[in-house]
C-alpha atoms as a PDB file:
ATOM      1  CA  MET A   1      49.363 120.904 -70.370  1.00  0.00           C
ATOM      2  CA  SER A   2      47.165 122.668 -72.583  1.00  0.00           C
ATOM      3  CA  SER A   3      48.345 120.490 -76.020  1.00  0.00           C
ATOM      4  CA  ASN A   4      46.929 117.092 -73.911  1.00  0.00           C
ATOM      5  CA  SER A   5      43.682 118.921 -73.576  1.00  0.00           C
ATOM      6  CA  GLN A   6      43.047 119.281 -77.738  1.00  0.00           C
ATOM      7  CA  ASP A   7      44.285 115.727 -78.100  1.00  0.00           C
ATOM      8  CA  GLN A   8      41.963 114.755 -76.027  1.00  0.00           C
ATOM      9  CA  GLU A   9      39.240 117.203 -77.679  1.00  0.00           C
ATOM     10  CA  ILE A  10      39.949 116.311 -81.538  1.00  0.00           C
ATOM     11  CA  ASP A  11      40.012 112.426 -80.250  1.00  0.00           C
ATOM     12  CA  LEU A  12      36.473 112.729 -78.640  1.00  0.00           C
ATOM     13  CA  GLY A  13      35.496 114.851 -81.978  1.00  0.00           C
ATOM     14  CA  GLN A  14      35.765 112.167 -84.415  1.00  0.00           C
ATOM     15  CA  VAL A  15      34.570 109.333 -81.791  1.00  0.00           C
ATOM     16  CA  PHE A  16      31.048 111.626 -82.097  1.00  0.00           C
ATOM     17  CA  THR A  17      31.562 111.900 -85.775  1.00  0.00           C
ATOM     18  CA  LYS A  18      31.802 108.166 -86.245  1.00  0.00           C
ATOM     19  CA  ILE A  19      28.615 107.522 -84.014  1.00  0.00           C
ATOM     20  CA  GLY A  20      26.525 109.785 -85.675  1.00  0.00           C
ATOM     21  CA  SER A  21      28.222 108.255 -88.577  1.00  0.00           C
ATOM     22  CA  LEU A  22      26.752 105.027 -87.661  1.00  0.00           C
ATOM     23  CA  ILE A  23      23.191 105.897 -86.395  1.00  0.00           C
ATOM     24  CA  GLN A  24      22.356 107.680 -90.314  1.00  0.00           C
ATOM     25  CA  LYS A  25      23.878 104.732 -91.734  1.00  0.00           C
ATOM     26  CA  GLY A  26      21.346 102.817 -89.213  1.00  0.00           C
ATOM     27  CA  ILE A  27      18.466 105.838 -90.083  1.00  0.00           C
ATOM     28  CA  ASP A  28      19.545 105.114 -93.972  1.00  0.00           C
ATOM     29  CA  SER A  29      19.130 101.634 -94.360  1.00  0.00           C
ATOM     30  CA  ILE A  30      15.828 101.608 -92.208  1.00  0.00           C
ATOM     31  CA  PHE A  31      14.495 104.346 -94.533  1.00  0.00           C
ATOM     32  CA  ASP A  32      15.766 102.411 -97.565  1.00  0.00           C
ATOM     33  CA  LEU A  33      14.066  99.104 -96.037  1.00  0.00           C
ATOM     34  CA  PHE A  34      10.810 100.626 -96.238  1.00  0.00           C
ATOM     35  CA  LEU A  35      10.750 101.800 -99.391  1.00  0.00           C
ATOM     36  CA  PHE A  36      11.811  98.778-100.757  1.00  0.00           C
ATOM     37  CA  LEU A  37       8.307  97.113 -99.295  1.00  0.00           C
ATOM     38  CA  LYS A  38       6.547 100.257-100.644  1.00  0.00           C
ATOM     39  CA  ARG A  39       7.968  99.477-103.855  1.00  0.00           C
ATOM     40  CA  ASN A  40       7.434  95.491-103.909  1.00  0.00           C
ATOM     41  CA  PHE A  41       4.397  95.169-101.642  1.00  0.00           C
ATOM     42  CA  LEU A  42       2.602  93.710-103.912  1.00  0.00           C
ATOM     43  CA  ILE A  43       5.315  91.442-104.917  1.00  0.00           C
ATOM     44  CA  LEU A  44       5.946  90.215-101.371  1.00  0.00           C
ATOM     45  CA  GLY A  45       2.300  90.474-100.411  1.00  0.00           C
ATOM     46  CA  ILE A  46       1.407  87.329-103.073  1.00  0.00           C
ATOM     47  CA  LEU A  47       4.581  85.662-102.002  1.00  0.00           C
ATOM     48  CA  LEU A  48       3.092  85.729 -99.086  1.00  0.00           C
ATOM     49  CA  ILE A  49       0.294  84.106 -99.371  1.00  0.00           C
ATOM     50  CA  SER A  50       1.765  81.968-102.254  1.00  0.00           C
ATOM     51  CA  GLY A  51       3.453  80.341 -99.354  1.00  0.00           C
ATOM     52  CA  ILE A  52       0.707  80.060 -96.810  1.00  0.00           C
ATOM     53  CA  VAL A  53      -1.774  78.382 -99.593  1.00  0.00           C
ATOM     54  CA  LEU A  54       1.438  75.765-100.545  1.00  0.00           C
ATOM     55  CA  GLY A  55       2.029  75.166 -96.711  1.00  0.00           C
ATOM     56  CA  PHE A  56      -1.882  74.310 -95.992  1.00  0.00           C
ATOM     57  CA  PHE A  57      -1.477  71.793 -98.881  1.00  0.00           C
ATOM     58  CA  LEU A  58       1.583  70.196 -98.636  1.00  0.00           C
ATOM     59  CA  ASP A  59       0.420  69.909 -94.410  1.00  0.00           C
ATOM     60  CA  GLN A  60      -2.850  68.537 -95.871  1.00  0.00           C
ATOM     61  CA  ASN A  61      -0.841  65.801 -98.081  1.00  0.00           C
ATOM     62  CA  ASN A  62       1.414  64.920 -95.535  1.00  0.00           C
ATOM     63  CA  LYS A  63      -0.481  63.854 -92.446  1.00  0.00           C
ATOM     64  CA  SER A  64       0.779  61.282 -90.317  1.00  0.00           C
ATOM     65  CA  TYR A  65      -1.007  59.031 -87.701  1.00  0.00           C
ATOM     66  CA  ASN A  66       0.768  57.068 -85.602  1.00  0.00           C
ATOM     67  CA  HIS A  67      -0.442  53.707 -84.470  1.00  0.00           C
ATOM     68  CA  GLU A  68       0.667  51.484 -80.953  1.00  0.00           C
ATOM     69  CA  ILE A  69       0.023  47.562 -80.318  1.00  0.00           C
ATOM     70  CA  ILE A  70       0.527  46.308 -76.629  1.00  0.00           C
ATOM     71  CA  VAL A  71       2.022  42.247 -77.302  1.00  0.00           C
ATOM     72  CA  ILE A  72       2.670  39.515 -74.861  1.00  0.00           C
ATOM     73  CA  PRO A  73       4.878  37.058 -75.889  1.00  0.00           C
ATOM     74  CA  ASN A  74       4.646  33.763 -75.421  1.00  0.00           C
ATOM     75  CA  PHE A  75       6.474  30.486 -74.659  1.00  0.00           C
ATOM     76  CA  GLY A  76       9.646  32.643 -74.277  1.00  0.00           C
ATOM     77  CA  SER A  77       9.600  34.049 -77.919  1.00  0.00           C
ATOM     78  CA  THR A  78      10.998  37.745 -77.066  1.00  0.00           C
ATOM     79  CA  ASP A  79      14.129  37.266 -79.121  1.00  0.00           C
ATOM     80  CA  TYR A  80      11.634  35.851 -82.166  1.00  0.00           C
ATOM     81  CA  LEU A  81       9.295  38.598 -81.533  1.00  0.00           C
ATOM     82  CA  TYR A  82      11.758  41.428 -82.106  1.00  0.00           C
ATOM     83  CA  SER A  83      13.297  40.344 -84.963  1.00  0.00           C
ATOM     84  CA  LYS A  84      10.686  39.545 -86.656  1.00  0.00           C
ATOM     85  CA  VAL A  85       9.262  43.124 -86.556  1.00  0.00           C
ATOM     86  CA  ASP A  86      12.770  44.080 -87.224  1.00  0.00           C
ATOM     87  CA  LEU A  87      12.541  41.904 -90.408  1.00  0.00           C
ATOM     88  CA  LEU A  88       9.330  43.661 -91.533  1.00  0.00           C
ATOM     89  CA  ALA A  89      10.979  47.307 -90.697  1.00  0.00           C
ATOM     90  CA  SER A  90      13.859  46.346 -93.048  1.00  0.00           C
ATOM     91  CA  LYS A  91      11.016  44.929 -95.722  1.00  0.00           C
ATOM     92  CA  ARG A  92       9.447  48.318 -95.296  1.00  0.00           C
ATOM     93  CA  LYS A  93      12.758  50.308 -95.568  1.00  0.00           C
ATOM     94  CA  GLU A  94      13.264  48.469 -98.985  1.00  0.00           C
ATOM     95  CA  ASN A  95       9.946  49.217-100.518  1.00  0.00           C
ATOM     96  CA  ASP A  96       9.398  45.428-100.803  1.00  0.00           C
ATOM     97  CA  THR A  97       5.982  45.708-101.552  1.00  0.00           C
ATOM     98  CA  SER A  98       5.272  41.849-102.535  1.00  0.00           C
ATOM     99  CA  TYR A  99       6.088  41.028 -99.079  1.00  0.00           C
ATOM    100  CA  LEU A 100       3.855  43.222 -97.182  1.00  0.00           C
ATOM    101  CA  SER A 101       1.318  42.570 -99.444  1.00  0.00           C
ATOM    102  CA  SER A 102       1.280  38.797 -99.051  1.00  0.00           C
ATOM    103  CA  ILE A 103       0.849  39.077 -95.632  1.00  0.00           C
ATOM    104  CA  GLY A 104      -2.264  41.296 -95.770  1.00  0.00           C
ATOM    105  CA  ILE A 105      -1.130  44.615 -95.084  1.00  0.00           C
ATOM    106  CA  LYS A 106      -3.075  46.765 -97.225  1.00  0.00           C
ATOM    107  CA  ASN A 107      -2.336  50.332 -98.750  1.00  0.00           C
ATOM    108  CA  ILE A 108       1.165  49.391 -98.472  1.00  0.00           C
ATOM    109  CA  LYS A 109       2.312  53.006 -99.883  1.00  0.00           C
ATOM    110  CA  LYS A 110       0.689  54.632 -97.000  1.00  0.00           C
ATOM    111  CA  PHE A 111       2.021  52.475 -94.272  1.00  0.00           C
ATOM    112  CA  GLY A 112       5.124  54.142 -92.487  1.00  0.00           C
ATOM    113  CA  ALA A 113       8.150  52.826 -90.257  1.00  0.00           C
ATOM    114  CA  ILE A 114       7.211  50.382 -87.802  1.00  0.00           C
ATOM    115  CA  LYS A 115       9.615  49.283 -84.619  1.00  0.00           C
ATOM    116  CA  ILE A 116       9.031  47.673 -81.296  1.00  0.00           C
ATOM    117  CA  GLU A 117      10.229  48.975 -77.818  1.00  0.00           C
ATOM    118  CA  PRO A 118       9.864  47.072 -73.724  1.00  0.00           C
ATOM    119  CA  ILE A 119       7.714  49.087 -71.709  1.00  0.00           C
ATOM    120  CA  THR A 120       9.567  49.731 -69.012  1.00  0.00           C
ATOM    121  CA  ASP A 121       8.329  48.041 -65.927  1.00  0.00           C
ATOM    122  CA  VAL A 122      10.251  46.874 -63.280  1.00  0.00           C
ATOM    123  CA  TYR A 123       7.833  45.656 -60.828  1.00  0.00           C
ATOM    124  CA  LYS A 124       5.969  43.986 -63.161  1.00  0.00           C
ATOM    125  CA  PHE A 125       9.649  41.971 -63.645  1.00  0.00           C
ATOM    126  CA  ILE A 126      10.453  41.069 -60.140  1.00  0.00           C
ATOM    127  CA  GLN A 127       6.507  40.664 -58.937  1.00  0.00           C
ATOM    128  CA  ASN A 128       5.983  37.221 -57.491  1.00  0.00           C
ATOM    129  CA  ASN A 129       9.161  36.019 -58.795  1.00  0.00           C
ATOM    130  CA  ASP A 130      12.123  36.032 -56.476  1.00  0.00           C
ATOM    131  CA  LYS A 131      14.569  34.657 -59.068  1.00  0.00           C
ATOM    132  CA  ASN A 132      13.862  38.512 -61.459  1.00  0.00           C
ATOM    133  CA  PHE A 133      13.861  40.417 -57.800  1.00  0.00           C
ATOM    134  CA  GLU A 134      17.805  38.904 -57.007  1.00  0.00           C
ATOM    135  CA  LEU A 135      18.976  39.601 -60.305  1.00  0.00           C
ATOM    136  CA  ILE A 136      18.116  42.872 -60.474  1.00  0.00           C
ATOM    137  CA  ARG A 137      19.412  43.125 -56.555  1.00  0.00           C
ATOM    138  CA  LEU A 138      22.850  41.500 -57.675  1.00  0.00           C
ATOM    139  CA  MET A 139      23.309  43.641 -60.800  1.00  0.00           C
ATOM    140  CA  ALA A 140      22.432  47.081 -59.247  1.00  0.00           C
ATOM    141  CA  GLU A 141      25.226  46.037 -56.371  1.00  0.00           C
ATOM    142  CA  ASP A 142      27.949  46.801 -59.419  1.00  0.00           C
ATOM    143  CA  GLY A 143      26.571  48.753 -61.182  1.00  0.00           C
ATOM    144  CA  ASP A 144      23.254  52.216 -61.941  1.00  0.00           C
ATOM    145  CA  LEU A 145      20.170  50.584 -61.779  1.00  0.00           C
ATOM    146  CA  GLU A 146      18.289  53.018 -63.987  1.00  0.00           C
ATOM    147  CA  LYS A 147      20.945  51.488 -66.665  1.00  0.00           C
ATOM    148  CA  ILE A 148      20.255  47.819 -65.904  1.00  0.00           C
ATOM    149  CA  ILE A 149      16.313  48.604 -65.835  1.00  0.00           C
ATOM    150  CA  GLU A 150      16.803  50.143 -69.874  1.00  0.00           C
ATOM    151  CA  ASP A 151      19.945  47.333 -70.784  1.00  0.00           C
ATOM    152  CA  ASP A 152      18.295  45.411 -73.565  1.00  0.00           C
ATOM    153  CA  LEU A 153      19.359  42.622 -71.864  1.00  0.00           C
ATOM    154  CA  THR A 154      17.096  43.121 -68.923  1.00  0.00           C
ATOM    155  CA  SER A 155      14.055  45.275 -71.261  1.00  0.00           C
ATOM    156  CA  LYS A 156      13.673  42.313 -73.002  1.00  0.00           C
ATOM    157  CA  ASN A 157      12.393  40.063 -70.388  1.00  0.00           C
ATOM    158  CA  TYR A 158       9.474  42.256 -69.498  1.00  0.00           C
ATOM    159  CA  PRO A 159       5.962  41.203 -69.838  1.00  0.00           C
ATOM    160  CA  TYR A 160       4.934  43.661 -72.319  1.00  0.00           C
ATOM    161  CA  HIS A 161       6.383  45.347 -75.030  1.00  0.00           C
ATOM    162  CA  LEU A 162       4.833  47.583 -77.615  1.00  0.00           C
ATOM    163  CA  ILE A 163       4.648  48.065 -81.551  1.00  0.00           C
ATOM    164  CA  LYS A 164       4.705  51.134 -82.956  1.00  0.00           C
ATOM    165  CA  PHE A 165       3.950  52.184 -86.844  1.00  0.00           C
ATOM    166  CA  SER A 166       2.777  55.217 -88.938  1.00  0.00           C
ATOM    167  CA  THR A 167       0.606  55.922 -91.754  1.00  0.00           C
ATOM    168  CA  THR A 168      -0.158  58.487 -94.101  1.00  0.00           C
ATOM    169  CA  GLU A 169      -3.584  58.237 -93.778  1.00  0.00           C
ATOM    170  CA  GLU A 170      -6.537  56.821 -91.554  1.00  0.00           C
ATOM    171  CA  THR A 171      -6.440  53.054 -91.977  1.00  0.00           C
ATOM    172  CA  THR A 172      -8.196  50.645 -89.853  1.00  0.00           C
ATOM    173  CA  ILE A 173      -7.877  47.008 -87.752  1.00  0.00           C
ATOM    174  CA  ASP A 174      -8.570  45.068 -90.076  1.00  0.00           C
ATOM    175  CA  ALA A 175      -5.936  46.544 -93.064  1.00  0.00           C
ATOM    176  CA  THR A 176      -3.065  46.653 -91.215  1.00  0.00           C
ATOM    177  CA  SER A 177      -3.452  45.843 -87.348  1.00  0.00           C
ATOM    178  CA  ASN A 178      -4.380  42.227 -88.079  1.00  0.00           C
ATOM    179  CA  PRO A 179      -2.613  41.108 -90.724  1.00  0.00           C
ATOM    180  CA  ILE A 180       0.453  42.490 -88.651  1.00  0.00           C
ATOM    181  CA  LEU A 181      -0.465  40.144 -85.621  1.00  0.00           C
ATOM    182  CA  ASN A 182      -1.647  37.142 -87.874  1.00  0.00           C
ATOM    183  CA  TYR A 183       2.250  37.642 -89.634  1.00  0.00           C
ATOM    184  CA  LEU A 184       3.330  37.050 -85.910  1.00  0.00           C
ATOM    185  CA  ASN A 185       1.656  34.553 -84.560  1.00  0.00           C
ATOM    186  CA  ASN A 186       1.310  32.285 -87.702  1.00  0.00           C
ATOM    187  CA  SER A 187       4.740  31.506 -88.298  1.00  0.00           C
ATOM    188  CA  GLU A 188       5.870  27.793 -88.702  1.00  0.00           C
ATOM    189  CA  TYR A 189       8.394  28.573 -86.283  1.00  0.00           C
ATOM    190  CA  TYR A 190       6.350  29.846 -83.167  1.00  0.00           C
ATOM    191  CA  LYS A 191       3.896  27.045 -83.756  1.00  0.00           C
ATOM    192  CA  THR A 192       6.922  24.315 -83.527  1.00  0.00           C
ATOM    193  CA  ILE A 193       7.701  26.621 -80.454  1.00  0.00           C
ATOM    194  CA  GLN A 194       4.687  26.877 -78.826  1.00  0.00           C
ATOM    195  CA  LYS A 195       3.374  22.903 -79.663  1.00  0.00           C
ATOM    196  CA  GLU A 196       6.971  22.044 -77.638  1.00  0.00           C
ATOM    197  CA  TYR A 197       5.954  24.407 -74.993  1.00  0.00           C
ATOM    198  CA  VAL A 198       2.595  23.361 -74.416  1.00  0.00           C
ATOM    199  CA  ASN A 199       4.147  19.601 -74.624  1.00  0.00           C
ATOM    200  CA  ASN A 200       6.238  20.532 -71.907  1.00  0.00           C
ATOM    201  CA  ILE A 201       3.708  21.586 -69.775  1.00  0.00           C
ATOM    202  CA  LYS A 202       1.817  18.493 -70.075  1.00  0.00           C
ATOM    203  CA  LEU A 203       4.577  16.305 -69.045  1.00  0.00           C
ATOM    204  CA  LYS A 204       4.698  18.260 -65.496  1.00  0.00           C
ATOM    205  CA  MET A 205       0.936  18.207 -65.256  1.00  0.00           C
ATOM    206  CA  ILE A 206       1.048  14.472 -65.696  1.00  0.00           C
ATOM    207  CA  SER A 207       4.231  14.107 -63.513  1.00  0.00           C
ATOM    208  CA  ASN A 208       2.483  16.614 -60.617  1.00  0.00           C
ATOM    209  CA  ASP A 209      -0.387  14.229 -60.868  1.00  0.00           C
ATOM    210  CA  SER A 210       1.072  11.054 -60.620  1.00  0.00           C
ATOM    211  CA  THR A 211       3.103  12.397 -57.225  1.00  0.00           C
ATOM    212  CA  ILE A 212      -0.048  13.503 -56.049  1.00  0.00           C
ATOM    213  CA  SER A 213      -1.551  10.008 -56.217  1.00  0.00           C
ATOM    214  CA  GLN A 214       1.939   8.821 -54.314  1.00  0.00           C
ATOM    215  CA  ILE A 215       1.443  10.971 -51.881  1.00  0.00           C
ATOM    216  CA  ASN A 216      -2.387  10.782 -51.022  1.00  0.00           C
ATOM    217  CA  GLY A 217      -1.672   6.729 -51.351  1.00  0.00           C
ATOM    218  CA  LEU A 218       0.425   6.879 -48.832  1.00  0.00           C
ATOM    219  CA  ILE A 219      -1.384   8.878 -46.285  1.00  0.00           C
ATOM    220  CA  GLU A 220      -4.717   6.255 -47.443  1.00  0.00           C
ATOM    221  CA  ASN A 221      -2.711   3.707 -46.033  1.00  0.00           C
ATOM    222  CA  PHE A 222      -1.055   5.351 -42.931  1.00  0.00           C
ATOM    223  CA  LYS A 223      -5.185   6.170 -41.952  1.00  0.00           C
ATOM    224  CA  LYS A 224      -5.833   2.411 -42.544  1.00  0.00           C
ATOM    225  CA  SER A 225      -3.148   1.355 -40.522  1.00  0.00           C
ATOM    226  CA  THR A 226      -3.885   3.996 -37.691  1.00  0.00           C
ATOM    227  CA  VAL A 227      -7.067   2.984 -37.679  1.00  0.00           C
ATOM    228  CA  ASN A 228      -6.394  -0.740 -37.465  1.00  0.00           C
ATOM    229  CA  ASN A 229      -4.068  -0.395 -34.880  1.00  0.00           C
ATOM    230  CA  GLN A 230      -5.808   2.106 -32.659  1.00  0.00           C
ATOM    231  CA  LYS A 231      -2.528   2.541 -30.477  1.00  0.00           C
ATOM    232  CA  SER A 232      -2.896   6.436 -31.113  1.00  0.00           C
ATOM    233  CA  GLN A 233      -5.066   9.342 -31.003  1.00  0.00           C
ATOM    234  CA  ASN A 234      -2.163  11.267 -32.806  1.00  0.00           C
ATOM    235  CA  LEU A 235      -2.085  11.747 -36.404  1.00  0.00           C
ATOM    236  CA  ILE A 236       1.377  10.459 -36.214  1.00  0.00           C
ATOM    237  CA  TYR A 237       1.855   6.785 -35.329  1.00  0.00           C
ATOM    238  CA  TYR A 238       6.295   5.718 -34.532  1.00  0.00           C
ATOM    239  CA  ASN A 239       6.625   1.152 -33.886  1.00  0.00           C
ATOM    240  CA  GLU A 240       9.908   0.327 -33.013  1.00  0.00           C
ATOM    241  CA  GLN A 241       9.341  -2.875 -34.316  1.00  0.00           C
ATOM    242  CA  SER A 242      11.438  -2.265 -37.709  1.00  0.00           C
ATOM    243  CA  ASN A 243      10.353  -5.921 -38.710  1.00  0.00           C
END
């Protein structure tokens, strides 16, 4: 038993020796670090100040301004709107300055990325529209309602959409926003859609006016026949003489 006790004491002594060695190395490393900082204090100070000044100027020169335009696509032109914004984004990515300049955007080099996304508002989507409400209800029965609301096919039918773009300096409405809106509104394709849509509404109005005139004529004839016969004081008069 005495031999086992000596082995344990020797082992513990080695462990404490190694721990002390590690602690001493740690203290020496900290001391060496302080000596290094002391010897190179001036150089490190210059590098630190230079980094701060350089970062400040880079931050000043790389500012980014974010801009947003809320739009409502009319005449069922949602797909057209998205395709036009995507085209504009691709032209910006390709750095097609001539195309961007042709639509009236100023300071093209300062003009950044542009994209469009729907403003998720399911309440506006189903408001006063039984068909949309029934559509959402049926789709919700077969899947996750949140995913359906955010799905591209559903979200593109929301009334409001958000065009986002960035610039590297301050800009004005006339320099960027108005040219973008004019670019979306003044194409021949959109004008054709608008014209056909308005014509369809006019035709429906004419048809409705004709139907209303016919109904008014029937009511007037009915009133006249009722007054002439004077057989009943009720609004509805029934005569069994079919001839």
